[in-house]
Amino acid sequence: MTVWCLLLSSVAIAQSNQQEDWIQLFNGEDLDDWVPKFTGFPLGENYLETFRVEDGLFKVSYENWDDFNSEFGHIFFREPFTHYLLRV
């Protein structure tokens, strides 16, 4: 998960092969347009500030966690994409 999130630091995506406009998913400043979800917590709650931006990088940190009790977490972009190209 950490490697995947780090790769997002420079990700851009195209909605179709014909379209030349790229959409930058991560701005290097904040998690706007990203939605976290943790087991047992409401959609959008970034439990214990697990997902964060530090020095322009998308990071996952467990420093605020005392213990892991099956609180699985995911983070999603605000809109789904299909037929995309990934540029890193």
PDB file of N, CA and C in Angstrom:
ATOM      1  N   MET A   1       0.826  -1.185   0.000  1.00  0.00           N
ATOM      2  CA  MET A   1       0.000   0.000   0.000  1.00  0.00           C
ATOM      3  C   MET A   1       0.874   1.253   0.000  1.00  0.00           C
ATOM      4  N   THR A   2       1.946   1.234   0.764  1.00  0.00           N
ATOM      5  CA  THR A   2       2.832   2.392   0.841  1.00  0.00           C
ATOM      6  C   THR A   2       3.458   2.683  -0.514  1.00  0.00           C
ATOM      7  N   VAL A   3       3.925   1.659  -1.200  1.00  0.00           N
ATOM      8  CA  VAL A   3       4.540   1.853  -2.511  1.00  0.00           C
ATOM      9  C   VAL A   3       3.527   2.438  -3.474  1.00  0.00           C
ATOM     10  N   TRP A   4       2.317   1.916  -3.463  1.00  0.00           N
ATOM     11  CA  TRP A   4       1.264   2.420  -4.338  1.00  0.00           C
ATOM     12  C   TRP A   4       1.008   3.885  -4.065  1.00  0.00           C
ATOM     13  N   CYS A   5       0.919   4.274  -2.813  1.00  0.00           N
ATOM     14  CA  CYS A   5       0.661   5.665  -2.463  1.00  0.00           C
ATOM     15  C   CYS A   5       1.818   6.569  -2.854  1.00  0.00           C
ATOM     16  N   LEU A   6       3.034   6.096  -2.702  1.00  0.00           N
ATOM     17  CA  LEU A   6       4.184   6.912  -3.093  1.00  0.00           C
ATOM     18  C   LEU A   6       4.208   7.150  -4.593  1.00  0.00           C
ATOM     19  N   LEU A   7       3.793   6.155  -5.355  1.00  0.00           N
ATOM     20  CA  LEU A   7       3.742   6.329  -6.802  1.00  0.00           C
ATOM     21  C   LEU A   7       2.745   7.400  -7.206  1.00  0.00           C
ATOM     22  N   LEU A   8       1.730   7.588  -6.404  1.00  0.00           N
ATOM     23  CA  LEU A   8       0.715   8.586  -6.725  1.00  0.00           C
ATOM     24  C   LEU A   8       1.240  10.013  -6.665  1.00  0.00           C
ATOM     25  N   SER A   9       2.416  10.200  -6.126  1.00  0.00           N
ATOM     26  CA  SER A   9       2.952  11.555  -5.998  1.00  0.00           C
ATOM     27  C   SER A   9       3.153  12.238  -7.341  1.00  0.00           C
ATOM     28  N   SER A  10       3.275  11.473  -8.406  1.00  0.00           N
ATOM     29  CA  SER A  10       3.464  12.100  -9.713  1.00  0.00           C
ATOM     30  C   SER A  10       2.546  11.496 -10.771  1.00  0.00           C
ATOM     31  N   VAL A  11       1.395  11.023 -10.363  1.00  0.00           N
ATOM     32  CA  VAL A  11       0.493  10.341 -11.275  1.00  0.00           C
ATOM     33  C   VAL A  11      -0.344  11.331 -12.079  1.00  0.00           C
ATOM     34  N   ALA A  12      -0.484  11.041 -13.349  1.00  0.00           N
ATOM     35  CA  ALA A  12      -1.437  11.751 -14.197  1.00  0.00           C
ATOM     36  C   ALA A  12      -2.196  10.687 -14.975  1.00  0.00           C
ATOM     37  N   ILE A  13      -3.420  10.991 -15.363  1.00  0.00           N
ATOM     38  CA  ILE A  13      -4.253   9.979 -15.992  1.00  0.00           C
ATOM     39  C   ILE A  13      -5.039  10.587 -17.151  1.00  0.00           C
ATOM     40  N   ALA A  14      -5.252   9.811 -18.208  1.00  0.00           N
ATOM     41  CA  ALA A  14      -6.059  10.274 -19.332  1.00  0.00           C
ATOM     42  C   ALA A  14      -7.360   9.487 -19.362  1.00  0.00           C
ATOM     43  N   GLN A  15      -8.461  10.155 -19.668  1.00  0.00           N
ATOM     44  CA  GLN A  15      -9.750   9.477 -19.682  1.00  0.00           C
ATOM     45  C   GLN A  15      -9.924   8.614 -20.921  1.00  0.00           C
ATOM     46  N   SER A  16      -9.266   8.941 -22.002  1.00  0.00           N
ATOM     47  CA  SER A  16      -9.354   8.113 -23.195  1.00  0.00           C
ATOM     48  C   SER A  16      -8.065   8.231 -23.990  1.00  0.00           C
ATOM     49  N   ASN A  17      -7.857   7.275 -24.893  1.00  0.00           N
ATOM     50  CA  ASN A  17      -6.656   7.298 -25.720  1.00  0.00           C
ATOM     51  C   ASN A  17      -6.649   8.477 -26.682  1.00  0.00           C
ATOM     52  N   GLN A  18      -7.806   8.949 -27.107  1.00  0.00           N
ATOM     53  CA  GLN A  18      -7.893  10.042 -28.054  1.00  0.00           C
ATOM     54  C   GLN A  18      -7.688  11.399 -27.382  1.00  0.00           C
ATOM     55  N   GLN A  19      -7.955  11.513 -26.130  1.00  0.00           N
ATOM     56  CA  GLN A  19      -7.878  12.788 -25.429  1.00  0.00           C
ATOM     57  C   GLN A  19      -6.436  13.079 -25.021  1.00  0.00           C
ATOM     58  N   GLU A  20      -5.958  14.276 -25.326  1.00  0.00           N
ATOM     59  CA  GLU A  20      -4.593  14.668 -25.004  1.00  0.00           C
ATOM     60  C   GLU A  20      -4.475  15.325 -23.638  1.00  0.00           C
ATOM     61  N   ASP A  21      -5.575  15.740 -23.044  1.00  0.00           N
ATOM     62  CA  ASP A  21      -5.546  16.404 -21.745  1.00  0.00           C
ATOM     63  C   ASP A  21      -5.351  15.386 -20.634  1.00  0.00           C
ATOM     64  N   TRP A  22      -4.341  15.633 -19.803  1.00  0.00           N
ATOM     65  CA  TRP A  22      -4.060  14.766 -18.671  1.00  0.00           C
ATOM     66  C   TRP A  22      -4.697  15.351 -17.424  1.00  0.00           C
ATOM     67  N   ILE A  23      -5.123  14.496 -16.540  1.00  0.00           N
ATOM     68  CA  ILE A  23      -5.692  14.915 -15.261  1.00  0.00           C
ATOM     69  C   ILE A  23      -4.692  14.542 -14.180  1.00  0.00           C
ATOM     70  N   GLN A  24      -4.235  15.526 -13.446  1.00  0.00           N
ATOM     71  CA  GLN A  24      -3.307  15.268 -12.352  1.00  0.00           C
ATOM     72  C   GLN A  24      -4.120  14.862 -11.127  1.00  0.00           C
ATOM     73  N   LEU A  25      -3.870  13.660 -10.631  1.00  0.00           N
ATOM     74  CA  LEU A  25      -4.644  13.152  -9.503  1.00  0.00           C
ATOM     75  C   LEU A  25      -4.150  13.674  -8.162  1.00  0.00           C
ATOM     76  N   PHE A  26      -2.880  13.907  -8.053  1.00  0.00           N
ATOM     77  CA  PHE A  26      -2.311  14.341  -6.776  1.00  0.00           C
ATOM     78  C   PHE A  26      -1.558  15.642  -6.983  1.00  0.00           C
ATOM     79  N   ASN A  27      -1.901  16.663  -6.191  1.00  0.00           N
ATOM     80  CA  ASN A  27      -1.313  17.990  -6.375  1.00  0.00           C
ATOM     81  C   ASN A  27      -0.065  18.236  -5.530  1.00  0.00           C
ATOM     82  N   GLY A  28       0.312  17.302  -4.674  1.00  0.00           N
ATOM     83  CA  GLY A  28       1.506  17.460  -3.856  1.00  0.00           C
ATOM     84  C   GLY A  28       1.338  18.378  -2.663  1.00  0.00           C
ATOM     85  N   GLU A  29       0.111  18.871  -2.443  1.00  0.00           N
ATOM     86  CA  GLU A  29      -0.138  19.816  -1.356  1.00  0.00           C
ATOM     87  C   GLU A  29      -1.142  19.324  -0.324  1.00  0.00           C
ATOM     88  N   ASP A  30      -2.179  18.618  -0.787  1.00  0.00           N
ATOM     89  CA  ASP A  30      -3.233  18.180   0.124  1.00  0.00           C
ATOM     90  C   ASP A  30      -3.928  16.951  -0.462  1.00  0.00           C
ATOM     91  N   LEU A  31      -4.914  16.448   0.263  1.00  0.00           N
ATOM     92  CA  LEU A  31      -5.643  15.256  -0.178  1.00  0.00           C
ATOM     93  C   LEU A  31      -7.021  15.606  -0.728  1.00  0.00           C
ATOM     94  N   ASP A  32      -7.160  16.834  -1.244  1.00  0.00           N
ATOM     95  CA  ASP A  32      -8.415  17.210  -1.896  1.00  0.00           C
ATOM     96  C   ASP A  32      -8.694  16.212  -3.013  1.00  0.00           C
ATOM     97  N   ASP A  33      -9.935  15.867  -3.193  1.00  0.00           N
ATOM     98  CA  ASP A  33     -10.399  14.907  -4.205  1.00  0.00           C
ATOM     99  C   ASP A  33     -10.117  13.450  -3.840  1.00  0.00           C
ATOM    100  N   TRP A  34      -9.567  13.197  -2.673  1.00  0.00           N
ATOM    101  CA  TRP A  34      -9.328  11.836  -2.205  1.00  0.00           C
ATOM    102  C   TRP A  34     -10.246  11.550  -1.023  1.00  0.00           C
ATOM    103  N   VAL A  35     -10.787  10.336  -0.981  1.00  0.00           N
ATOM    104  CA  VAL A  35     -11.752   9.962   0.055  1.00  0.00           C
ATOM    105  C   VAL A  35     -11.248   8.721   0.788  1.00  0.00           C
ATOM    106  N   PRO A  36     -10.881   8.855   2.064  1.00  0.00           N
ATOM    107  CA  PRO A  36     -10.460   7.684   2.834  1.00  0.00           C
ATOM    108  C   PRO A  36     -11.660   6.919   3.388  1.00  0.00           C
ATOM    109  N   LYS A  37     -11.465   5.636   3.612  1.00  0.00           N
ATOM    110  CA  LYS A  37     -12.491   4.806   4.260  1.00  0.00           C
ATOM    111  C   LYS A  37     -11.786   3.778   5.121  1.00  0.00           C
ATOM    112  N   PHE A  38     -12.133   3.773   6.406  1.00  0.00           N
ATOM    113  CA  PHE A  38     -11.603   2.804   7.362  1.00  0.00           C
ATOM    114  C   PHE A  38     -12.748   1.988   7.940  1.00  0.00           C
ATOM    115  N   THR A  39     -12.497   0.722   8.180  1.00  0.00           N
ATOM    116  CA  THR A  39     -13.490  -0.155   8.783  1.00  0.00           C
ATOM    117  C   THR A  39     -13.994   0.442  10.088  1.00  0.00           C
ATOM    118  N   GLY A  40     -15.309   0.567  10.199  1.00  0.00           N
ATOM    119  CA  GLY A  40     -15.920   1.056  11.429  1.00  0.00           C
ATOM    120  C   GLY A  40     -15.984   2.565  11.563  1.00  0.00           C
ATOM    121  N   PHE A  41     -15.566   3.294  10.542  1.00  0.00           N
ATOM    122  CA  PHE A  41     -15.588   4.755  10.584  1.00  0.00           C
ATOM    123  C   PHE A  41     -16.308   5.288   9.350  1.00  0.00           C
ATOM    124  N   PRO A  42     -16.888   6.473   9.455  1.00  0.00           N
ATOM    125  CA  PRO A  42     -17.635   7.023   8.314  1.00  0.00           C
ATOM    126  C   PRO A  42     -16.740   7.282   7.099  1.00  0.00           C
ATOM    127  N   LEU A  43     -17.325   7.167   5.932  1.00  0.00           N
ATOM    128  CA  LEU A  43     -16.641   7.492   4.694  1.00  0.00           C
ATOM    129  C   LEU A  43     -16.126   8.921   4.768  1.00  0.00           C
ATOM    130  N   GLY A  44     -14.882   9.117   4.434  1.00  0.00           N
ATOM    131  CA  GLY A  44     -14.296  10.449   4.443  1.00  0.00           C
ATOM    132  C   GLY A  44     -13.510  10.781   5.696  1.00  0.00           C
ATOM    133  N   GLU A  45     -13.627   9.960   6.745  1.00  0.00           N
ATOM    134  CA  GLU A  45     -12.865  10.214   7.971  1.00  0.00           C
ATOM    135  C   GLU A  45     -11.468   9.612   7.830  1.00  0.00           C
ATOM    136  N   ASN A  46     -10.468  10.457   7.912  1.00  0.00           N
ATOM    137  CA  ASN A  46      -9.073  10.028   7.810  1.00  0.00           C
ATOM    138  C   ASN A  46      -8.611   9.623   9.210  1.00  0.00           C
ATOM    139  N   TYR A  47      -8.943   8.403   9.595  1.00  0.00           N
ATOM    140  CA  TYR A  47      -8.713   7.881  10.936  1.00  0.00           C
ATOM    141  C   TYR A  47      -7.255   8.059  11.352  1.00  0.00           C
ATOM    142  N   LEU A  48      -7.047   8.752  12.455  1.00  0.00           N
ATOM    143  CA  LEU A  48      -5.729   9.000  13.045  1.00  0.00           C
ATOM    144  C   LEU A  48      -4.737   9.634  12.059  1.00  0.00           C
ATOM    145  N   GLU A  49      -5.294  10.375  11.106  1.00  0.00           N
ATOM    146  CA  GLU A  49      -4.467  11.060  10.104  1.00  0.00           C
ATOM    147  C   GLU A  49      -3.473  10.094   9.452  1.00  0.00           C
ATOM    148  N   THR A  50      -4.000   8.941   9.075  1.00  0.00           N
ATOM    149  CA  THR A  50      -3.177   7.894   8.473  1.00  0.00           C
ATOM    150  C   THR A  50      -2.653   8.304   7.102  1.00  0.00           C
ATOM    151  N   PHE A  51      -3.523   8.862   6.275  1.00  0.00           N
ATOM    152  CA  PHE A  51      -3.120   9.340   4.953  1.00  0.00           C
ATOM    153  C   PHE A  51      -2.775  10.814   5.071  1.00  0.00           C
ATOM    154  N   ARG A  52      -1.634  11.204   4.512  1.00  0.00           N
ATOM    155  CA  ARG A  52      -1.199  12.601   4.641  1.00  0.00           C
ATOM    156  C   ARG A  52      -0.256  12.985   3.516  1.00  0.00           C
ATOM    157  N   VAL A  53       0.007  14.271   3.454  1.00  0.00           N
ATOM    158  CA  VAL A  53       0.971  14.810   2.501  1.00  0.00           C
ATOM    159  C   VAL A  53       2.116  15.405   3.303  1.00  0.00           C
ATOM    160  N   GLU A  54       3.322  14.959   3.007  1.00  0.00           N
ATOM    161  CA  GLU A  54       4.526  15.485   3.659  1.00  0.00           C
ATOM    162  C   GLU A  54       5.587  15.717   2.596  1.00  0.00           C
ATOM    163  N   ASP A  55       6.127  16.910   2.565  1.00  0.00           N
ATOM    164  CA  ASP A  55       7.186  17.259   1.606  1.00  0.00           C
ATOM    165  C   ASP A  55       6.784  16.947   0.169  1.00  0.00           C
ATOM    166  N   GLY A  56       5.519  17.185  -0.157  1.00  0.00           N
ATOM    167  CA  GLY A  56       5.035  16.970  -1.511  1.00  0.00           C
ATOM    168  C   GLY A  56       4.748  15.531  -1.870  1.00  0.00           C
ATOM    169  N   LEU A  57       4.859  14.619  -0.897  1.00  0.00           N
ATOM    170  CA  LEU A  57       4.624  13.196  -1.144  1.00  0.00           C
ATOM    171  C   LEU A  57       3.356  12.723  -0.456  1.00  0.00           C
ATOM    172  N   PHE A  58       2.675  11.802  -1.093  1.00  0.00           N
ATOM    173  CA  PHE A  58       1.498  11.130  -0.547  1.00  0.00           C
ATOM    174  C   PHE A  58       2.027  10.023   0.360  1.00  0.00           C
ATOM    175  N   LYS A  59       1.726  10.109   1.645  1.00  0.00           N
ATOM    176  CA  LYS A  59       2.276   9.131   2.590  1.00  0.00           C
ATOM    177  C   LYS A  59       1.182   8.445   3.402  1.00  0.00           C
ATOM    178  N   VAL A  60       1.520   7.247   3.844  1.00  0.00           N
ATOM    179  CA  VAL A  60       0.689   6.489   4.777  1.00  0.00           C
ATOM    180  C   VAL A  60       1.519   6.328   6.039  1.00  0.00           C
ATOM    181  N   SER A  61       0.968   6.760   7.179  1.00  0.00           N
ATOM    182  CA  SER A  61       1.717   6.698   8.431  1.00  0.00           C
ATOM    183  C   SER A  61       0.863   6.069   9.526  1.00  0.00           C
ATOM    184  N   TYR A  62       1.500   5.251  10.318  1.00  0.00           N
ATOM    185  CA  TYR A  62       0.826   4.608  11.447  1.00  0.00           C
ATOM    186  C   TYR A  62       1.357   5.133  12.775  1.00  0.00           C
ATOM    187  N   GLU A  63       2.027   6.281  12.765  1.00  0.00           N
ATOM    188  CA  GLU A  63       2.631   6.811  13.985  1.00  0.00           C
ATOM    189  C   GLU A  63       1.604   7.174  15.061  1.00  0.00           C
ATOM    190  N   ASN A  64       0.368   7.452  14.686  1.00  0.00           N
ATOM    191  CA  ASN A  64      -0.674   7.782  15.663  1.00  0.00           C
ATOM    192  C   ASN A  64      -1.454   6.558  16.137  1.00  0.00           C
ATOM    193  N   TRP A  65      -1.115   5.402  15.628  1.00  0.00           N
ATOM    194  CA  TRP A  65      -1.809   4.168  15.981  1.00  0.00           C
ATOM    195  C   TRP A  65      -1.127   3.531  17.193  1.00  0.00           C
ATOM    196  N   ASP A  66      -1.921   3.123  18.177  1.00  0.00           N
ATOM    197  CA  ASP A  66      -1.391   2.374  19.317  1.00  0.00           C
ATOM    198  C   ASP A  66      -1.339   0.884  19.012  1.00  0.00           C
ATOM    199  N   ASP A  67      -2.348   0.415  18.267  1.00  0.00           N
ATOM    200  CA  ASP A  67      -2.486  -1.004  17.993  1.00  0.00           C
ATOM    201  C   ASP A  67      -3.301  -1.162  16.720  1.00  0.00           C
ATOM    202  N   PHE A  68      -3.167  -2.290  16.071  1.00  0.00           N
ATOM    203  CA  PHE A  68      -3.965  -2.596  14.892  1.00  0.00           C
ATOM    204  C   PHE A  68      -5.046  -3.583  15.291  1.00  0.00           C
ATOM    205  N   ASN A  69      -6.298  -3.167  15.169  1.00  0.00           N
ATOM    206  CA  ASN A  69      -7.434  -4.021  15.523  1.00  0.00           C
ATOM    207  C   ASN A  69      -8.345  -4.211  14.321  1.00  0.00           C
ATOM    208  N   SER A  70      -7.770  -4.624  13.216  1.00  0.00           N
ATOM    209  CA  SER A  70      -8.507  -4.855  11.968  1.00  0.00           C
ATOM    210  C   SER A  70      -9.183  -3.589  11.443  1.00  0.00           C
ATOM    211  N   GLU A  71      -8.574  -2.434  11.664  1.00  0.00           N
ATOM    212  CA  GLU A  71      -9.101  -1.182  11.125  1.00  0.00           C
ATOM    213  C   GLU A  71      -8.504  -0.953   9.737  1.00  0.00           C
ATOM    214  N   PHE A  72      -8.914  -1.778   8.806  1.00  0.00           N
ATOM    215  CA  PHE A  72      -8.386  -1.688   7.450  1.00  0.00           C
ATOM    216  C   PHE A  72      -8.801  -0.374   6.815  1.00  0.00           C
ATOM    217  N   GLY A  73      -7.900   0.217   6.044  1.00  0.00           N
ATOM    218  CA  GLY A  73      -8.202   1.486   5.408  1.00  0.00           C
ATOM    219  C   GLY A  73      -7.848   1.493   3.936  1.00  0.00           C
ATOM    220  N   HIS A  74      -8.577   2.297   3.209  1.00  0.00           N
ATOM    221  CA  HIS A  74      -8.360   2.488   1.777  1.00  0.00           C
ATOM    222  C   HIS A  74      -8.535   3.969   1.489  1.00  0.00           C
ATOM    223  N   ILE A  75      -8.017   4.411   0.370  1.00  0.00           N
ATOM    224  CA  ILE A  75      -8.264   5.781  -0.064  1.00  0.00           C
ATOM    225  C   ILE A  75      -8.569   5.741  -1.556  1.00  0.00           C
ATOM    226  N   PHE A  76      -9.595   6.487  -1.941  1.00  0.00           N
ATOM    227  CA  PHE A  76     -10.084   6.470  -3.313  1.00  0.00           C
ATOM    228  C   PHE A  76     -10.089   7.875  -3.884  1.00  0.00           C
ATOM    229  N   PHE A  77      -9.907   7.981  -5.200  1.00  0.00           N
ATOM    230  CA  PHE A  77     -10.083   9.264  -5.865  1.00  0.00           C
ATOM    231  C   PHE A  77     -11.573   9.532  -5.971  1.00  0.00           C
ATOM    232  N   ARG A  78     -11.979  10.781  -5.965  1.00  0.00           N
ATOM    233  CA  ARG A  78     -13.390  11.172  -5.902  1.00  0.00           C
ATOM    234  C   ARG A  78     -14.235  10.639  -7.048  1.00  0.00           C
ATOM    235  N   GLU A  79     -13.637  10.348  -8.197  1.00  0.00           N
ATOM    236  CA  GLU A  79     -14.406   9.821  -9.316  1.00  0.00           C
ATOM    237  C   GLU A  79     -13.686   8.626  -9.929  1.00  0.00           C
ATOM    238  N   PRO A  80     -14.445   7.641 -10.387  1.00  0.00           N
ATOM    239  CA  PRO A  80     -13.812   6.470 -11.002  1.00  0.00           C
ATOM    240  C   PRO A  80     -13.359   6.785 -12.430  1.00  0.00           C
ATOM    241  N   PHE A  81     -12.391   6.043 -12.906  1.00  0.00           N
ATOM    242  CA  PHE A  81     -11.903   6.184 -14.270  1.00  0.00           C
ATOM    243  C   PHE A  81     -11.923   4.829 -14.954  1.00  0.00           C
ATOM    244  N   THR A  82     -12.133   4.846 -16.253  1.00  0.00           N
ATOM    245  CA  THR A  82     -12.001   3.648 -17.082  1.00  0.00           C
ATOM    246  C   THR A  82     -11.217   4.038 -18.328  1.00  0.00           C
ATOM    247  N   HIS A  83     -10.627   3.098 -18.981  1.00  0.00           N
ATOM    248  CA  HIS A  83      -9.852   3.339 -20.198  1.00  0.00           C
ATOM    249  C   HIS A  83      -8.844   4.458 -19.977  1.00  0.00           C
ATOM    250  N   TYR A  84      -7.901   4.223 -19.106  1.00  0.00           N
ATOM    251  CA  TYR A  84      -6.960   5.276 -18.747  1.00  0.00           C
ATOM    252  C   TYR A  84      -5.519   4.851 -19.003  1.00  0.00           C
ATOM    253  N   LEU A  85      -4.669   5.836 -19.111  1.00  0.00           N
ATOM    254  CA  LEU A  85      -3.226   5.645 -19.191  1.00  0.00           C
ATOM    255  C   LEU A  85      -2.635   6.246 -17.935  1.00  0.00           C
ATOM    256  N   LEU A  86      -1.671   5.570 -17.366  1.00  0.00           N
ATOM    257  CA  LEU A  86      -1.036   6.028 -16.134  1.00  0.00           C
ATOM    258  C   LEU A  86       0.369   6.494 -16.457  1.00  0.00           C
ATOM    259  N   ARG A  87       0.666   7.734 -16.093  1.00  0.00           N
ATOM    260  CA  ARG A  87       2.012   8.272 -16.315  1.00  0.00           C
ATOM    261  C   ARG A  87       2.614   8.605 -14.959  1.00  0.00           C
ATOM    262  N   VAL A  88       3.789   8.028 -14.684  1.00  0.00           N
ATOM    263  CA  VAL A  88       4.455   8.245 -13.393  1.00  0.00           C
ATOM    264  C   VAL A  88       5.772   8.958 -13.638  1.00  0.00           C
TER     265      VAL A  88
END
